[in-house]
Structure formats: structure tokens, C-alpha cells
Protein backbone atom coordinates (compact mmCIF):
# COMPACT_ATOMS: atom_id res chain seq x y z
CA VAL A 1 281.26 119.40 66.54
CA ARG A 2 278.02 118.39 69.38
CA VAL A 3 275.23 116.08 69.30
CA LEU A 4 272.12 117.57 69.81
CA ASP A 5 268.31 116.00 70.49
CA GLN A 6 265.93 117.50 68.55
CA ASN A 7 264.95 120.61 70.12
CA LEU A 8 268.96 121.14 69.57
CA ARG A 9 269.63 120.46 73.28
CA PRO A 10 273.40 118.82 73.81
CA VAL A 11 272.24 114.99 74.62
CA PRO A 12 273.67 113.31 77.85
CA PRO A 13 276.64 110.71 77.25
CA GLY A 14 275.38 107.30 76.05
CA VAL A 15 271.70 109.06 74.33
CA PRO A 16 271.92 109.13 70.76
CA GLY A 17 271.49 112.67 68.87
CA GLU A 18 271.62 114.00 65.66
CA ILE A 19 275.47 115.49 64.79
CA ALA A 20 275.99 119.62 64.41
CA ILE A 21 279.49 121.54 64.18
CA GLY A 22 279.65 125.01 64.37
CA GLY A 23 282.92 127.43 64.74
CA ALA A 24 284.71 129.69 62.46
CA GLY A 25 285.15 127.80 59.85
CA LEU A 26 281.55 126.73 59.28
CA ALA A 27 279.43 128.06 56.09
CA ARG A 28 277.37 131.16 56.07
CA GLY A 29 274.77 128.83 54.47
CA TYR A 30 274.05 126.85 50.75
CA TYR A 31 275.02 129.50 47.75
CA GLY A 32 271.23 130.84 45.84
CA ARG A 33 269.29 127.79 48.42
CA PRO A 34 267.21 129.67 50.53
CA SER A 35 264.73 127.10 51.82
CA GLU A 36 267.75 124.28 52.23
CA THR A 37 269.91 126.37 54.41
CA ALA A 38 267.42 127.28 56.37
CA ALA A 39 266.20 123.80 57.39
CA ARG A 40 270.59 123.46 58.10
CA PHE A 41 272.25 126.39 59.65
CA LEU A 42 270.18 126.51 62.61
CA PRO A 43 271.66 129.37 64.99
CA ASP A 44 273.72 128.28 67.51
CA PRO A 45 271.53 128.48 70.68
CA LEU A 46 274.30 127.47 72.89
CA SER A 47 277.13 130.45 71.93
CA ASN A 48 277.38 133.97 73.41
CA GLU A 49 278.22 134.92 69.91
CA PRO A 50 276.53 136.66 67.62
CA GLY A 51 275.63 135.37 64.70
CA ALA A 52 277.02 132.47 65.51
CA ARG A 53 275.76 128.92 63.45
CA LEU A 54 275.19 124.85 63.65
CA TYR A 55 274.71 123.19 60.68
CA ARG A 56 272.48 119.76 60.78
CA VAL A 57 274.84 117.28 59.30
CA GLY A 58 272.07 114.89 58.77
CA ASP A 59 273.99 111.86 60.73
CA ARG A 60 272.92 110.59 64.36
CA GLY A 61 275.65 110.04 67.17
CA MET A 62 276.19 109.46 70.49
CA LEU A 63 278.38 110.90 72.61
CA THR A 64 281.04 108.70 75.17
CA THR A 65 281.98 109.57 78.31
CA ASP A 66 285.55 110.39 77.35
CA ASP A 67 283.80 113.12 74.61
CA ARG A 68 284.19 110.94 71.55
CA ILE A 69 281.63 110.53 69.04
CA LEU A 70 280.36 107.38 67.67
CA TYR A 71 278.63 107.61 64.79
CA GLN A 72 275.35 106.01 64.08
CA GLY A 73 274.58 106.19 60.78
CA ARG A 74 272.49 108.90 58.52
CA ILE A 75 269.06 110.10 59.83
CA ASP A 76 267.85 110.42 56.65
CA ASN A 77 267.45 107.68 54.07
CA GLN A 78 270.91 109.46 52.11
CA VAL A 79 273.24 106.69 50.55
CA LYS A 80 276.95 106.57 48.49
CA ILE A 81 276.52 105.27 45.65
CA ARG A 82 279.30 105.12 42.91
CA GLY A 83 280.70 108.11 45.15
CA HIS A 84 277.27 109.65 44.52
CA ARG A 85 275.00 111.08 46.88
CA VAL A 86 271.73 109.30 47.02
CA GLU A 87 268.28 110.45 48.67
CA LEU A 88 266.13 107.54 47.76
CA GLU A 89 263.03 110.06 48.21
CA GLU A 90 263.77 110.91 45.49
CA ILE A 91 263.77 108.30 42.97
CA GLU A 92 260.76 106.54 44.55
CA GLY A 93 259.09 110.27 43.59
CA HIS A 94 260.21 109.48 39.83
CA LEU A 95 259.16 105.51 40.39
CA GLN A 96 255.41 106.61 41.67
CA ALA A 97 255.32 109.03 38.76
CA ASP A 98 254.45 105.53 36.49
CA PRO A 99 251.35 105.45 36.07
CA ARG A 100 251.75 101.54 36.98
CA VAL A 101 252.80 101.96 40.09
CA ARG A 102 250.96 101.83 43.06
CA SER A 103 253.85 102.32 45.80
CA ALA A 104 257.68 101.94 45.58
CA ALA A 105 260.76 101.55 48.24
CA VAL A 106 264.41 101.56 47.33
CA ALA A 107 267.48 100.13 49.15
CA ALA A 108 270.82 100.25 48.62
CA ARG A 109 272.37 97.01 49.85
CA ASN A 110 275.96 95.95 48.78
CA GLY A 111 276.68 98.61 47.11
CA HIS A 112 273.64 99.07 44.89
CA LEU A 113 269.83 99.99 44.01
CA ILE A 114 266.92 97.79 44.83
CA GLY A 115 263.76 98.97 43.54
CA TYR A 116 260.55 97.17 45.31
CA LEU A 117 256.91 97.44 43.41
CA VAL A 118 253.77 97.82 43.81
CA LEU A 119 251.86 97.80 40.33
CA ARG A 120 248.41 98.85 39.93
CA ASP A 121 246.00 96.04 39.25
CA GLY A 122 246.52 94.94 36.06
CA ALA A 123 249.73 96.88 35.16
CA ASP A 124 252.98 94.93 34.31
CA MET A 125 256.43 96.30 34.65
CA GLY A 126 257.63 95.61 31.24
CA SER A 127 261.10 96.64 30.49
CA ASP A 128 260.56 99.92 29.93
CA LEU A 129 260.24 100.95 33.58
CA GLU A 130 263.74 101.52 33.67
CA ALA A 131 263.57 103.43 30.18
CA ALA A 132 261.19 105.48 31.85
CA LEU A 133 263.42 106.04 35.00
CA SER A 134 266.07 107.24 33.45
CA LYS A 135 264.75 109.72 31.45
CA GLY A 136 264.21 111.96 34.62
CA LEU A 137 267.36 110.37 36.55
CA PRO A 138 270.92 109.84 36.06
CA GLU A 139 272.13 106.57 35.38
CA TRP A 140 273.66 105.66 38.50
CA MET A 141 270.02 106.67 40.73
CA THR A 142 268.66 103.74 38.51
CA PRO A 143 267.85 100.34 40.50
CA GLN A 144 269.90 97.70 39.61
CA THR A 145 267.61 94.80 41.21
CA TRP A 146 264.09 94.67 41.03
CA ILE A 147 261.43 92.97 43.41
CA VAL A 148 257.59 93.08 43.27
CA LEU A 149 255.54 93.05 46.32
CA GLU A 150 251.91 92.86 46.97
CA LYS A 151 251.83 94.98 49.61
CA LEU A 152 254.88 97.52 51.30
CA PRO A 153 255.88 96.54 54.05
CA ARG A 154 254.33 99.30 57.19
CA GLY A 155 255.21 99.80 60.55
CA ALA A 156 252.31 100.08 63.43
CA THR A 157 252.31 104.14 62.12
CA GLY A 158 251.95 103.47 58.93
CA LYS A 159 255.64 104.32 58.03
CA LEU A 160 257.84 102.45 55.83
CA ASP A 161 259.53 99.70 57.06
CA ARG A 162 263.38 100.17 54.84
CA ALA A 163 264.74 97.19 57.49
CA ALA A 164 261.63 95.13 56.61
CA LEU A 165 262.07 95.43 52.48
CA PRO A 166 263.62 91.44 51.48
CA ASP A 167 266.65 91.11 50.53
CA PRO A 168 267.15 90.78 47.18
CA ASP A 169 268.18 86.66 47.70
CA GLN A 170 265.16 85.61 49.21
CA ALA A 171 262.53 87.56 47.10
CA ARG A 172 261.30 86.59 43.79
CA ARG A 173 263.61 88.74 41.23
CA THR A 174 261.08 90.17 38.36
CA SER A 175 264.25 91.65 36.31
CA GLN A 176 268.52 91.63 37.26
CA GLY A 177 268.97 94.55 36.19
CA ARG A 178 271.91 95.29 35.15
CA PRO A 179 275.13 94.12 37.45
CA PRO A 180 276.83 96.75 39.78
CA ARG A 181 280.28 98.49 38.60
CA ASP A 182 283.51 98.69 40.64
């Protein structure tokens, strides 16, 4: 297990980086998914063993001075909802495909999904948006709470600022949706 920078070089203790694993028990790749294999399973530049590979797990961590790794969360926006791994961007893509939606964001808070929508001028969210979304996604990937915003919060570079999305308790809710299940 290693903590690496963006160029796959080990980072010193106290510096955050991406966690990667390697060794004899590592798979050779994803079965039948060569593009995903190429992105995640990389040649190990630090190994002297021919064909050695590293798997980029998608987690951020930091090495301590006593060789422990402190987990610091996901690098991507993957979350776990009801035991399923969920890519928030996948849900956002389905939302943005709806002609009423100008832009969308999804966040996971307190174990359930929240959909943030910026609607096109004159558009109404309507009760059928959730039904349309459920045609392309499983039920557990459908947000339980919907919040309509004037615009999504953006950082200085124009990227979505997920940390600035309003908390559902502080924002106007347009639909309560289904409550989360145990």
C-alpha cells in the first residue's frame, strides 16, 4: 500500500496523496473493461518485478511518520448509499438530460441523496421528474429530497463547489420525496 502524488511518486509523511495497492494478490484488471483497467491498474514504477502493477483505489490518504495511513476520503464523488457504491456524476447526468433542467448537482447527506436543480426559464419541476429519473436509474439512486436553486455554487475556476451546496434543513424544499430507509 502506497500513498502517491499525481505523477505516481511516493509522498513524504504528512503530505496527502492517492492510495494505491499492489503486490502478488492484485488482480490484472477489470474483466472485459479495458478502458477502466487502463485508468486504474497502472505499471508500478517503484517495483523491480516485471509486470508489477498498482491499483488506484480512488481514496485520499496521508502517510504518518510511523508508517500508518490516515484515510482522508474519496478523491472522486463516489458515495455509499444503502450498501451500493454510487457515482454522483452518473445521477447528475441523468438529471441534466431532462429538458426542464439547466444544471444539476447531487450530494449525499446523512445517508440519503439530495438533488439540487437549476431549472430552465419557465420550467416546473413537476412530480414526473422523479418518475423520469427512475426509468434510467435504480430506486436507491433517486434523490429523496429536491432543492431548486437559482444557480449552483461555483468556485473561482467555475467548477461546482459541492461544499457550498445548501443543507436541506436551511434551504427551501420543493419536494420531500421518500424518506431514507434503514
